C-alpha atoms as a PDB file:
ATOM      1  CA  MET A   1      94.017 127.286 143.329  1.00  0.00           C
ATOM      2  CA  LYS A   2      95.693 129.569 140.761  1.00  0.00           C
ATOM      3  CA  ALA A   3      98.405 126.931 140.168  1.00  0.00           C
ATOM      4  CA  LYS A   4      95.747 124.256 139.633  1.00  0.00           C
ATOM      5  CA  LEU A   5      93.915 126.454 137.128  1.00  0.00           C
ATOM      6  CA  LEU A   6      97.163 127.164 135.308  1.00  0.00           C
ATOM      7  CA  ALA A   7      97.998 123.474 135.174  1.00  0.00           C
ATOM      8  CA  ALA A   8      94.526 122.614 133.908  1.00  0.00           C
ATOM      9  CA  SER A   9      94.753 125.318 131.256  1.00  0.00           C
ATOM     10  CA  LEU A  10      98.169 124.069 130.126  1.00  0.00           C
ATOM     11  CA  ALA A  11      96.885 120.503 129.927  1.00  0.00           C
ATOM     12  CA  ALA A  12      93.973 121.654 127.780  1.00  0.00           C
ATOM     13  CA  VAL A  13      96.284 123.522 125.423  1.00  0.00           C
ATOM     14  CA  LEU A  14      98.588 120.502 125.071  1.00  0.00           C
ATOM     15  CA  ALA A  15      95.655 118.176 124.450  1.00  0.00           C
ATOM     16  CA  SER A  16      94.308 120.523 121.786  1.00  0.00           C
ATOM     17  CA  ALA A  17      97.695 120.871 120.094  1.00  0.00           C
ATOM     18  CA  ALA A  18      98.141 117.119 120.012  1.00  0.00           C
ATOM     19  CA  GLY A  19      94.731 116.596 118.521  1.00  0.00           C
ATOM     20  CA  ALA A  20      93.282 115.169 121.725  1.00  0.00           C
ATOM     21  CA  ALA A  21      94.745 111.692 122.022  1.00  0.00           C
ATOM     22  CA  ASP A  22      92.139 109.096 121.241  1.00  0.00           C
ATOM     23  CA  GLU A  23      93.331 105.658 120.226  1.00  0.00           C
ATOM     24  CA  GLY A  24      89.795 104.662 119.253  1.00  0.00           C
ATOM     25  CA  ALA A  25      89.308 107.557 116.818  1.00  0.00           C
ATOM     26  CA  LYS A  26      89.130 106.979 113.074  1.00  0.00           C
ATOM     27  CA  THR A  27      90.196 109.534 110.494  1.00  0.00           C
ATOM     28  CA  SER A  28      89.970 109.327 106.708  1.00  0.00           C
ATOM     29  CA  LEU A  29      92.294 111.146 104.338  1.00  0.00           C
ATOM     30  CA  LEU A  30      90.232 110.111 101.316  1.00  0.00           C
ATOM     31  CA  ASP A  31      88.060 113.235 101.310  1.00  0.00           C
ATOM     32  CA  ARG A  32      90.256 115.473 103.458  1.00  0.00           C
ATOM     33  CA  PRO A  33      90.796 118.873 101.775  1.00  0.00           C
ATOM     34  CA  ALA A  34      94.447 119.645 101.090  1.00  0.00           C
ATOM     35  CA  PRO A  35      95.438 122.719 103.114  1.00  0.00           C
ATOM     36  CA  ASN A  36      97.025 125.669 101.320  1.00  0.00           C
ATOM     37  CA  PRO A  37      99.996 127.129 103.222  1.00  0.00           C
ATOM     38  CA  GLU A  38      99.889 130.258 101.054  1.00  0.00           C
ATOM     39  CA  ASN A  39      96.753 131.330 102.930  1.00  0.00           C
ATOM     40  CA  LEU A  40      98.478 131.296 106.327  1.00  0.00           C
ATOM     41  CA  PRO A  41      99.328 134.460 108.296  1.00  0.00           C
ATOM     42  CA  ASP A  42     102.887 135.740 108.408  1.00  0.00           C
ATOM     43  CA  ASP A  43     104.084 134.566 111.813  1.00  0.00           C
ATOM     44  CA  ALA A  44     107.017 132.358 112.840  1.00  0.00           C
ATOM     45  CA  TYR A  45     105.081 129.078 112.663  1.00  0.00           C
ATOM     46  CA  ASP A  46     103.517 129.848 109.305  1.00  0.00           C
ATOM     47  CA  ARG A  47     106.810 130.963 107.768  1.00  0.00           C
ATOM     48  CA  LEU A  48     108.292 127.601 108.751  1.00  0.00           C
ATOM     49  CA  VAL A  49     105.285 125.826 107.240  1.00  0.00           C
ATOM     50  CA  ARG A  50     105.821 127.643 103.946  1.00  0.00           C
ATOM     51  CA  TYR A  51     109.540 126.862 103.969  1.00  0.00           C
ATOM     52  CA  GLY A  52     108.721 123.222 104.695  1.00  0.00           C
ATOM     53  CA  HIS A  53     106.287 123.199 101.781  1.00  0.00           C
ATOM     54  CA  GLU A  54     108.965 124.605  99.480  1.00  0.00           C
ATOM     55  CA  LEU A  55     111.522 122.081 100.733  1.00  0.00           C
ATOM     56  CA  THR A  56     109.014 119.323 100.021  1.00  0.00           C
ATOM     57  CA  THR A  57     108.166 120.423  96.493  1.00  0.00           C
ATOM     58  CA  ARG A  58     111.534 121.887  95.424  1.00  0.00           C
ATOM     59  CA  THR A  59     113.985 119.843  97.448  1.00  0.00           C
ATOM     60  CA  PHE A  60     116.497 119.856  94.583  1.00  0.00           C
ATOM     61  CA  ALA A  61     116.571 123.684  94.460  1.00  0.00           C
ATOM     62  CA  LEU A  62     117.150 124.242  98.183  1.00  0.00           C
ATOM     63  CA  ILE A  63     119.191 121.319  99.532  1.00  0.00           C
ATOM     64  CA  GLY A  64     120.042 119.340  96.396  1.00  0.00           C
ATOM     65  CA  PRO A  65     123.509 118.373  95.133  1.00  0.00           C
ATOM     66  CA  GLU A  66     123.644 121.255  92.629  1.00  0.00           C
ATOM     67  CA  VAL A  67     122.777 124.217  94.896  1.00  0.00           C
ATOM     68  CA  GLN A  68     125.439 126.920  95.082  1.00  0.00           C
ATOM     69  CA  ASP A  69     125.889 126.774  98.862  1.00  0.00           C
ATOM     70  CA  LYS A  70     127.828 123.538  99.325  1.00  0.00           C
ATOM     71  CA  GLU A  71     126.929 123.402 103.016  1.00  0.00           C
ATOM     72  CA  LYS A  72     123.257 123.104 101.990  1.00  0.00           C
ATOM     73  CA  ARG A  73     123.836 120.073  99.764  1.00  0.00           C
ATOM     74  CA  PHE A  74     122.094 117.577 102.017  1.00  0.00           C
ATOM     75  CA  ALA A  75     120.267 115.639  99.288  1.00  0.00           C
ATOM     76  CA  GLY A  76     122.470 113.461  97.101  1.00  0.00           C
ATOM     77  CA  ASN A  77     120.110 113.430  94.119  1.00  0.00           C
ATOM     78  CA  ASN A  78     117.894 115.913  92.294  1.00  0.00           C
ATOM     79  CA  LEU A  79     114.565 114.396  93.263  1.00  0.00           C
ATOM     80  CA  ALA A  80     111.909 116.209  95.270  1.00  0.00           C
ATOM     81  CA  CYS A  81     110.138 114.747  98.285  1.00  0.00           C
ATOM     82  CA  THR A  82     107.010 114.990  96.141  1.00  0.00           C
ATOM     83  CA  SER A  83     108.539 112.608  93.604  1.00  0.00           C
ATOM     84  CA  CYS A  84     107.009 109.967  95.899  1.00  0.00           C
ATOM     85  CA  HIS A  85     104.858 111.895  98.399  1.00  0.00           C
ATOM     86  CA  GLN A  86     102.499 113.272  95.783  1.00  0.00           C
ATOM     87  CA  ASP A  87     100.182 116.283  95.875  1.00  0.00           C
ATOM     88  CA  ASN A  88     102.388 118.195  98.300  1.00  0.00           C
ATOM     89  CA  ALA A  89     102.531 115.062 100.496  1.00  0.00           C
ATOM     90  CA  THR A  90      98.750 114.924 100.952  1.00  0.00           C
ATOM     91  CA  LYS A  91      97.608 112.325  98.386  1.00  0.00           C
ATOM     92  CA  PRO A  92      95.945 109.277  99.968  1.00  0.00           C
ATOM     93  CA  TYR A  93      97.878 106.043  99.510  1.00  0.00           C
ATOM     94  CA  ALA A  94     100.887 107.931  98.136  1.00  0.00           C
ATOM     95  CA  MET A  95     102.608 107.839 101.534  1.00  0.00           C
ATOM     96  CA  PRO A  96     101.011 111.125 102.681  1.00  0.00           C
ATOM     97  CA  TRP A  97     102.425 113.088 105.585  1.00  0.00           C
ATOM     98  CA  SER A  98      98.962 113.996 106.845  1.00  0.00           C
ATOM     99  CA  GLY A  99      98.649 112.413 110.270  1.00  0.00           C
ATOM    100  CA  VAL A 100     102.334 111.619 110.694  1.00  0.00           C
ATOM    101  CA  SER A 101     102.591 113.926 113.706  1.00  0.00           C
ATOM    102  CA  ALA A 102      99.785 111.919 115.316  1.00  0.00           C
ATOM    103  CA  THR A 103     101.547 108.572 114.808  1.00  0.00           C
ATOM    104  CA  PHE A 104     105.097 109.411 115.914  1.00  0.00           C
ATOM    105  CA  PRO A 105     107.054 108.547 117.974  1.00  0.00           C
ATOM    106  CA  GLN A 106     106.500 104.962 116.805  1.00  0.00           C
ATOM    107  CA  TYR A 107     108.293 101.630 116.702  1.00  0.00           C
ATOM    108  CA  ARG A 108     110.253 101.089 113.484  1.00  0.00           C
ATOM    109  CA  SER A 109     111.459  97.611 112.621  1.00  0.00           C
ATOM    110  CA  ARG A 110     114.278  98.958 110.461  1.00  0.00           C
ATOM    111  CA  GLU A 111     115.936 100.304 113.611  1.00  0.00           C
ATOM    112  CA  ASP A 112     114.172  97.985 116.075  1.00  0.00           C
ATOM    113  CA  SER A 113     113.531 100.991 118.273  1.00  0.00           C
ATOM    114  CA  ILE A 114     111.196 103.922 118.812  1.00  0.00           C
ATOM    115  CA  SER A 115     111.798 106.602 116.184  1.00  0.00           C
ATOM    116  CA  THR A 116     110.855 110.276 116.106  1.00  0.00           C
ATOM    117  CA  VAL A 117     109.570 112.326 113.195  1.00  0.00           C
ATOM    118  CA  GLU A 118     113.044 113.860 112.868  1.00  0.00           C
ATOM    119  CA  GLU A 119     114.629 110.420 112.554  1.00  0.00           C
ATOM    120  CA  ARG A 120     112.048 109.453 109.946  1.00  0.00           C
ATOM    121  CA  VAL A 121     112.874 112.571 107.915  1.00  0.00           C
ATOM    122  CA  ASN A 122     116.566 111.752 108.042  1.00  0.00           C
ATOM    123  CA  GLY A 123     115.848 108.177 107.031  1.00  0.00           C
ATOM    124  CA  CYS A 124     114.430 109.562 103.785  1.00  0.00           C
ATOM    125  CA  MET A 125     117.316 112.003 103.424  1.00  0.00           C
ATOM    126  CA  GLU A 126     119.855 109.200 103.610  1.00  0.00           C
ATOM    127  CA  ARG A 127     117.941 106.693 101.462  1.00  0.00           C
ATOM    128  CA  SER A 128     115.319 108.085  99.114  1.00  0.00           C
ATOM    129  CA  MET A 129     117.328 111.279  98.646  1.00  0.00           C
ATOM    130  CA  ASN A 130     120.654 109.375  98.743  1.00  0.00           C
ATOM    131  CA  GLY A 131     122.121 112.121 100.902  1.00  0.00           C
ATOM    132  CA  ARG A 132     123.101 112.958 104.465  1.00  0.00           C
ATOM    133  CA  ALA A 133     121.201 113.639 107.655  1.00  0.00           C
ATOM    134  CA  LEU A 134     119.911 117.107 108.438  1.00  0.00           C
ATOM    135  CA  PRO A 135     121.116 118.535 111.760  1.00  0.00           C
ATOM    136  CA  LEU A 136     118.252 118.402 114.248  1.00  0.00           C
ATOM    137  CA  ASP A 137     118.532 122.128 114.987  1.00  0.00           C
ATOM    138  CA  SER A 138     118.774 123.173 111.328  1.00  0.00           C
ATOM    139  CA  PRO A 139     116.121 125.468 109.787  1.00  0.00           C
ATOM    140  CA  GLU A 140     115.434 122.727 107.235  1.00  0.00           C
ATOM    141  CA  MET A 141     114.681 120.044 109.802  1.00  0.00           C
ATOM    142  CA  LYS A 142     112.464 122.419 111.760  1.00  0.00           C
ATOM    143  CA  ALA A 143     110.658 123.364 108.554  1.00  0.00           C
ATOM    144  CA  PHE A 144     110.033 119.751 107.523  1.00  0.00           C
ATOM    145  CA  VAL A 145     108.703 118.846 110.971  1.00  0.00           C
ATOM    146  CA  THR A 146     106.527 121.970 111.110  1.00  0.00           C
ATOM    147  CA  TYR A 147     105.065 121.316 107.659  1.00  0.00           C
ATOM    148  CA  ILE A 148     104.288 117.727 108.671  1.00  0.00           C
ATOM    149  CA  HIS A 149     102.626 119.060 111.827  1.00  0.00           C
ATOM    150  CA  TYR A 150     100.601 121.537 109.734  1.00  0.00           C
ATOM    151  CA  LEU A 151      99.346 118.751 107.461  1.00  0.00           C
ATOM    152  CA  SER A 152      98.460 116.674 110.543  1.00  0.00           C
ATOM    153  CA  ARG A 153      96.425 119.299 112.403  1.00  0.00           C
ATOM    154  CA  GLY A 154      93.093 118.018 113.622  1.00  0.00           C
ATOM    155  CA  ILE A 155      94.059 114.344 113.421  1.00  0.00           C
ATOM    156  CA  PRO A 156      93.921 112.824 116.932  1.00  0.00           C
ATOM    157  CA  VAL A 157      96.985 111.152 118.383  1.00  0.00           C
ATOM    158  CA  GLY A 158      96.623 107.397 118.070  1.00  0.00           C
ATOM    159  CA  ALA A 159      93.830 107.598 115.491  1.00  0.00           C
ATOM    160  CA  GLN A 160      93.287 104.896 112.904  1.00  0.00           C
ATOM    161  CA  ILE A 161      93.993 106.726 109.642  1.00  0.00           C
ATOM    162  CA  GLU A 162      92.450 105.604 106.359  1.00  0.00           C
ATOM    163  CA  GLY A 163      94.512 106.484 103.284  1.00  0.00           C
ATOM    164  CA  THR A 164      97.921 106.548 104.930  1.00  0.00           C
ATOM    165  CA  GLY A 165     100.941 104.652 103.598  1.00  0.00           C
ATOM    166  CA  THR A 166     100.211 102.585 100.487  1.00  0.00           C
ATOM    167  CA  LYS A 167      97.132 100.572  99.569  1.00  0.00           C
ATOM    168  CA  PRO A 168      97.595  96.767  99.647  1.00  0.00           C
ATOM    169  CA  THR A 169      97.709  94.690  96.478  1.00  0.00           C
ATOM    170  CA  LYS A 170      97.420  90.960  95.880  1.00  0.00           C
ATOM    171  CA  VAL A 171     100.898  89.423  95.926  1.00  0.00           C
ATOM    172  CA  PRO A 172     101.441  87.055  92.970  1.00  0.00           C
ATOM    173  CA  ASP A 173     102.712  83.624  93.992  1.00  0.00           C
ATOM    174  CA  ARG A 174     105.479  83.589  91.397  1.00  0.00           C
ATOM    175  CA  ARG A 175     108.801  85.129  90.511  1.00  0.00           C
ATOM    176  CA  ALA A 176     108.385  88.488  88.812  1.00  0.00           C
ATOM    177  CA  ASP A 177     108.601  88.387  85.012  1.00  0.00           C
ATOM    178  CA  LEU A 178     111.257  90.929  84.008  1.00  0.00           C
ATOM    179  CA  ALA A 179     110.592  90.550  80.279  1.00  0.00           C
ATOM    180  CA  ALA A 180     106.913  91.313  80.804  1.00  0.00           C
ATOM    181  CA  GLY A 181     107.915  94.206  83.043  1.00  0.00           C
ATOM    182  CA  GLU A 182     110.175  95.641  80.344  1.00  0.00           C
ATOM    183  CA  ALA A 183     107.308  95.576  77.842  1.00  0.00           C
ATOM    184  CA  ILE A 184     104.972  97.301  80.303  1.00  0.00           C
ATOM    185  CA  TYR A 185     107.627  99.901  81.065  1.00  0.00           C
ATOM    186  CA  GLY A 186     108.085 100.711  77.370  1.00  0.00           C
ATOM    187  CA  LYS A 187     104.347 101.044  76.861  1.00  0.00           C
ATOM    188  CA  THR A 188     103.329 102.832  80.064  1.00  0.00           C
ATOM    189  CA  CYS A 189     106.315 104.467  81.762  1.00  0.00           C
ATOM    190  CA  ALA A 190     109.008 105.376  79.225  1.00  0.00           C
ATOM    191  CA  ALA A 191     107.178 108.412  77.793  1.00  0.00           C
ATOM    192  CA  CYS A 192     107.722 110.226  81.106  1.00  0.00           C
ATOM    193  CA  HIS A 193     110.671 108.479  82.754  1.00  0.00           C
ATOM    194  CA  GLY A 194     112.703 107.734  79.599  1.00  0.00           C
ATOM    195  CA  MET A 195     113.613 104.457  77.956  1.00  0.00           C
ATOM    196  CA  ASN A 196     116.761 104.315  80.083  1.00  0.00           C
ATOM    197  CA  GLY A 197     115.049 105.443  83.279  1.00  0.00           C
ATOM    198  CA  GLU A 198     116.793 108.813  83.067  1.00  0.00           C
ATOM    199  CA  GLY A 199     113.725 110.983  83.675  1.00  0.00           C
ATOM    200  CA  GLN A 200     113.100 114.401  82.127  1.00  0.00           C
ATOM    201  CA  ARG A 201     115.021 117.386  83.457  1.00  0.00           C
ATOM    202  CA  ARG A 202     113.566 120.880  83.667  1.00  0.00           C
ATOM    203  CA  GLY A 203     116.825 122.387  82.465  1.00  0.00           C
ATOM    204  CA  LYS A 204     120.347 121.098  82.268  1.00  0.00           C
ATOM    205  CA  VAL A 205     122.760 119.325  84.579  1.00  0.00           C
ATOM    206  CA  GLY A 206     124.062 121.709  87.221  1.00  0.00           C
ATOM    207  CA  ASP A 207     121.183 124.200  87.278  1.00  0.00           C
ATOM    208  CA  ALA A 208     119.527 122.801  90.456  1.00  0.00           C
ATOM    209  CA  GLU A 209     116.142 122.777  88.736  1.00  0.00           C
ATOM    210  CA  GLY A 210     115.452 119.078  89.143  1.00  0.00           C
ATOM    211  CA  TYR A 211     113.139 116.993  87.002  1.00  0.00           C
ATOM    212  CA  ILE A 212     109.698 117.230  85.452  1.00  0.00           C
ATOM    213  CA  PHE A 213     109.582 113.443  85.770  1.00  0.00           C
ATOM    214  CA  PRO A 214     112.174 111.802  88.059  1.00  0.00           C
ATOM    215  CA  PRO A 215     114.732 109.175  87.032  1.00  0.00           C
ATOM    216  CA  LEU A 216     113.969 105.622  88.184  1.00  0.00           C
ATOM    217  CA  TRP A 217     117.470 104.191  88.007  1.00  0.00           C
ATOM    218  CA  GLY A 218     121.030 105.388  87.510  1.00  0.00           C
ATOM    219  CA  ASN A 219     123.096 107.715  89.691  1.00  0.00           C
ATOM    220  CA  ASP A 220     120.492 110.428  90.317  1.00  0.00           C
ATOM    221  CA  THR A 221     117.753 108.481  92.068  1.00  0.00           C
ATOM    222  CA  PHE A 222     116.981 106.662  95.331  1.00  0.00           C
ATOM    223  CA  ASN A 223     119.542 104.207  96.630  1.00  0.00           C
ATOM    224  CA  ASN A 224     119.174 100.499  97.409  1.00  0.00           C
ATOM    225  CA  GLY A 225     118.365 101.216 101.059  1.00  0.00           C
ATOM    226  CA  ALA A 226     115.202 103.178 100.239  1.00  0.00           C
ATOM    227  CA  GLY A 227     111.760 101.789 100.894  1.00  0.00           C
ATOM    228  CA  MET A 228     110.976 102.223  97.197  1.00  0.00           C
ATOM    229  CA  ASN A 229     113.715  99.688  96.447  1.00  0.00           C
ATOM    230  CA  ARG A 230     111.505  96.986  97.986  1.00  0.00           C
ATOM    231  CA  LEU A 231     109.423  95.219  95.345  1.00  0.00           C
ATOM    232  CA  LEU A 232     106.209  94.812  97.347  1.00  0.00           C
ATOM    233  CA  THR A 233     106.297  98.374  98.691  1.00  0.00           C
ATOM    234  CA  ALA A 234     106.931  99.883  95.254  1.00  0.00           C
ATOM    235  CA  THR A 235     104.271  97.659  93.652  1.00  0.00           C
ATOM    236  CA  ARG A 236     101.618  99.045  95.998  1.00  0.00           C
ATOM    237  CA  PHE A 237     102.721 102.600  95.215  1.00  0.00           C
ATOM    238  CA  VAL A 238     102.846 102.114  91.441  1.00  0.00           C
ATOM    239  CA  LYS A 239      99.517 100.269  91.254  1.00  0.00           C
ATOM    240  CA  HIS A 240      97.624 103.166  92.855  1.00  0.00           C
ATOM    241  CA  ASN A 241      99.620 106.189  91.666  1.00  0.00           C
ATOM    242  CA  MET A 242     101.155 105.448  88.266  1.00  0.00           C
ATOM    243  CA  PRO A 243     101.072 106.458  85.476  1.00  0.00           C
ATOM    244  CA  GLN A 244     100.647 110.152  86.255  1.00  0.00           C
ATOM    245  CA  GLY A 245      97.116 111.024  87.339  1.00  0.00           C
ATOM    246  CA  THR A 246      96.265 107.561  88.659  1.00  0.00           C
ATOM    247  CA  THR A 247      94.590 107.275  92.056  1.00  0.00           C
ATOM    248  CA  HIS A 248      93.563 104.354  94.236  1.00  0.00           C
ATOM    249  CA  LEU A 249      90.104 104.686  92.683  1.00  0.00           C
ATOM    250  CA  THR A 250      91.331 104.600  89.070  1.00  0.00           C
ATOM    251  CA  PRO A 251      94.219 102.114  88.773  1.00  0.00           C
ATOM    252  CA  VAL A 252      95.589 101.575  85.270  1.00  0.00           C
ATOM    253  CA  LEU A 253      97.820  98.583  85.921  1.00  0.00           C
ATOM    254  CA  SER A 254      96.718  95.262  87.357  1.00  0.00           C
ATOM    255  CA  ASP A 255      98.416  93.843  90.444  1.00  0.00           C
ATOM    256  CA  GLU A 256     100.402  91.491  88.207  1.00  0.00           C
ATOM    257  CA  GLU A 257     101.465  94.247  85.805  1.00  0.00           C
ATOM    258  CA  ALA A 258     102.555  96.553  88.605  1.00  0.00           C
ATOM    259  CA  TYR A 259     104.544  93.700  90.158  1.00  0.00           C
ATOM    260  CA  ASP A 260     106.373  92.927  86.913  1.00  0.00           C
ATOM    261  CA  VAL A 261     107.125  96.502  85.865  1.00  0.00           C
ATOM    262  CA  VAL A 262     108.455  97.393  89.316  1.00  0.00           C
ATOM    263  CA  ALA A 263     110.685  94.311  89.271  1.00  0.00           C
ATOM    264  CA  TYR A 264     112.076  95.457  85.916  1.00  0.00           C
ATOM    265  CA  VAL A 265     112.831  98.932  87.305  1.00  0.00           C
ATOM    266  CA  LEU A 266     114.457  97.519  90.432  1.00  0.00           C
ATOM    267  CA  SER A 267     116.629  95.176  88.352  1.00  0.00           C
ATOM    268  CA  LYS A 268     118.508  98.248  87.107  1.00  0.00           C
ATOM    269  CA  PRO A 269     121.576  99.814  88.797  1.00  0.00           C
ATOM    270  CA  ARG A 270     121.221 102.547  91.401  1.00  0.00           C
ATOM    271  CA  PRO A 271     123.325 104.103  94.205  1.00  0.00           C
ATOM    272  CA  ILE A 272     124.470 101.723  96.935  1.00  0.00           C
ATOM    273  CA  LYS A 273     123.978 102.580 100.596  1.00  0.00           C
ATOM    274  CA  ALA A 274     126.696 101.352 102.923  1.00  0.00           C
ATOM    275  CA  GLY A 275     125.849  99.510 106.121  1.00  0.00           C
ATOM    276  CA  LEU A 276     122.569  97.880 105.109  1.00  0.00           C
ATOM    277  CA  ASP A 277     123.549  94.784 107.087  1.00  0.00           C
ATOM    278  CA  LYS A 278     122.726  96.865 110.186  1.00  0.00           C
ATOM    279  CA  ASP A 279     119.113  97.397 109.073  1.00  0.00           C
ATOM    280  CA  PHE A 280     116.410  95.318 110.814  1.00  0.00           C
ATOM    281  CA  PRO A 281     118.704  94.182 113.626  1.00  0.00           C
ATOM    282  CA  ALA A 282     115.924  92.084 115.163  1.00  0.00           C
ATOM    283  CA  ARG A 283     116.071  89.950 111.957  1.00  0.00           C
ATOM    284  CA  TRP A 284     112.824  88.102 112.726  1.00  0.00           C
ATOM    285  CA  ASN A 285     110.810  91.097 111.504  1.00  0.00           C
ATOM    286  CA  LYS A 286     112.880  91.944 108.422  1.00  0.00           C
ATOM    287  CA  PRO A 287     110.491  92.371 105.434  1.00  0.00           C
ATOM    288  CA  VAL A 288     110.681  89.551 102.901  1.00  0.00           C
ATOM    289  CA  ASP A 289     111.315  92.015 100.048  1.00  0.00           C
ATOM    290  CA  ALA A 290     114.253  93.728 101.781  1.00  0.00           C
ATOM    291  CA  ALA A 291     116.661  92.398  99.184  1.00  0.00           C
ATOM    292  CA  PHE A 292     119.996  92.683 100.950  1.00  0.00           C
ATOM    293  CA  PRO A 293     121.827  90.349 103.329  1.00  0.00           C
ATOM    294  CA  PRO A 294     121.826  88.919 105.869  1.00  0.00           C
ATOM    295  CA  TYR A 295     118.884  86.601 105.211  1.00  0.00           C
ATOM    296  CA  VAL A 296     117.618  84.355 107.998  1.00  0.00           C
ATOM    297  CA  ASP A 297     115.163  82.055 106.219  1.00  0.00           C
ATOM    298  CA  GLY A 298     117.482  80.079 103.948  1.00  0.00           C
ATOM    299  CA  ALA A 299     115.907  81.508 100.768  1.00  0.00           C
ATOM    300  CA  SER A 300     118.032  82.867  97.939  1.00  0.00           C
ATOM    301  CA  ALA A 301     118.855  86.496  97.337  1.00  0.00           C
ATOM    302  CA  ASP A 302     116.990  86.209  94.024  1.00  0.00           C
ATOM    303  CA  GLN A 303     113.783  85.143  95.770  1.00  0.00           C
ATOM    304  CA  HIS A 304     114.016  88.070  98.178  1.00  0.00           C
ATOM    305  CA  ARG A 305     114.498  90.388  95.191  1.00  0.00           C
ATOM    306  CA  TYR A 306     111.904  88.990  92.752  1.00  0.00           C
ATOM    307  CA  GLY A 307     109.735  86.479  94.648  1.00  0.00           C
ATOM    308  CA  PRO A 308     107.766  84.303  94.909  1.00  0.00           C
ATOM    309  CA  TYR A 309     106.934  85.949  98.226  1.00  0.00           C
ATOM    310  CA  PRO A 310     103.985  84.015  99.720  1.00  0.00           C
ATOM    311  CA  PRO A 311     106.243  81.150 100.937  1.00  0.00           C
ATOM    312  CA  LEU A 312     108.589  83.702 102.517  1.00  0.00           C
ATOM    313  CA  MET A 313     105.644  85.513 104.085  1.00  0.00           C
ATOM    314  CA  GLU A 314     104.419  82.283 105.629  1.00  0.00           C
ATOM    315  CA  MET A 315     107.872  81.568 107.075  1.00  0.00           C
ATOM    316  CA  ALA A 316     108.032  85.131 108.437  1.00  0.00           C
ATOM    317  CA  LYS A 317     104.621  84.672 110.040  1.00  0.00           C
ATOM    318  CA  GLN A 318     105.790  81.481 111.740  1.00  0.00           C
ATOM    319  CA  ARG A 319     108.958  83.202 113.002  1.00  0.00           C
ATOM    320  CA  ALA A 320     106.879  86.027 114.442  1.00  0.00           C
ATOM    321  CA  GLN A 321     104.527  83.577 116.158  1.00  0.00           C
ATOM    322  CA  ALA A 322     107.453  81.628 117.624  1.00  0.00           C
ATOM    323  CA  ARG A 323     108.993  84.853 118.863  1.00  0.00           C
ATOM    324  CA  ASP A 324     105.699  85.974 120.426  1.00  0.00           C
ATOM    325  CA  ALA A 325     105.409  82.636 122.208  1.00  0.00           C
ATOM    326  CA  THR A 326     108.826  83.044 123.790  1.00  0.00           C
ATOM    327  CA  VAL A 327     108.234  86.594 125.028  1.00  0.00           C
ATOM    328  CA  ALA A 328     104.585  86.198 126.108  1.00  0.00           C
ATOM    329  CA  PRO A 329     104.080  86.501 129.847  1.00  0.00           C
ATOM    330  CA  GLN A 330     103.640  83.127 131.544  1.00  0.00           C
ATOM    331  CA  LYS A 331     100.229  82.444 133.050  1.00  0.00           C
ATOM    332  CA  PRO A 332     100.319  81.543 136.728  1.00  0.00           C
ATOM    333  CA  ALA A 333      99.717  77.870 137.489  1.00  0.00           C
ATOM    334  CA  GLU A 334      96.142  76.978 138.342  1.00  0.00           C
ATOM    335  CA  GLY A 335      95.480  77.633 142.012  1.00  0.00           C
ATOM    336  CA  ALA A 336      98.566  79.837 142.377  1.00  0.00           C
ATOM    337  CA  LYS A 337      98.182  83.155 144.212  1.00  0.00           C
END
């Protein structure tokens, strides 16, 4: 009896810690208050949360390429995680981390396998941060995962989460207009990010103090394997988060303007990630805006980079349907037992 009570108690604790798995639950991040880690007690968990928060907001100062301890130089650029994951990684439709602990492990098409939160963190380290993977047992990895868990508390496992990822936009059925994008960039973006996409530093090169506004191209930004290097992904982000202060409720740019200005930014040089041909090994589910070979639909590299995308999306849909038809379980013949 005592063993049964202990087992029941343990199960209750695990269910509570996980947020009580409920695949039918719905959670909204739109009005969710942003938690403040500074108000936490001083225990082991809360110290890791605070370190994770600092790593998220001051990545460049702790694990960036200019920190004094060379062994801590995991990031290859001077961005912060919050360069993309805004408001301490809590802003709706700015790829928030709130709820991530409730959605991982999950299938990822980039690897065509089930990925963990740790693998997702390292995906960003190697792509958006243009660096190297954190050891799984490192204080930094534990801090990132703990901070993500802290932001996800109270969100049930398997819940449908409103405000996660990026908010959809209408995809123009045309090739992006780089000239129009350049004009929009000069008018809307250059004041913060610089006419040459160089960003605005807090101090000087070598001081590990990062940027007030991050660079968008050049050597000190995300590489060509990052999700932000995909035109449709970046368009959704820019439409609902840029220029500074924009939210999904107050967009400044139209869908067409966001599409063109992002295409202009992505036409510029940036670090190259080796081995991208190994991404999306299933091929049939490779996103149409993943602008690196191999391509399986016969379209040009230019179309995968700049569109038009709707024809590619239709072909991708047909490939997915054909694939589903081949792997669907066969119905037994009528009368069979």
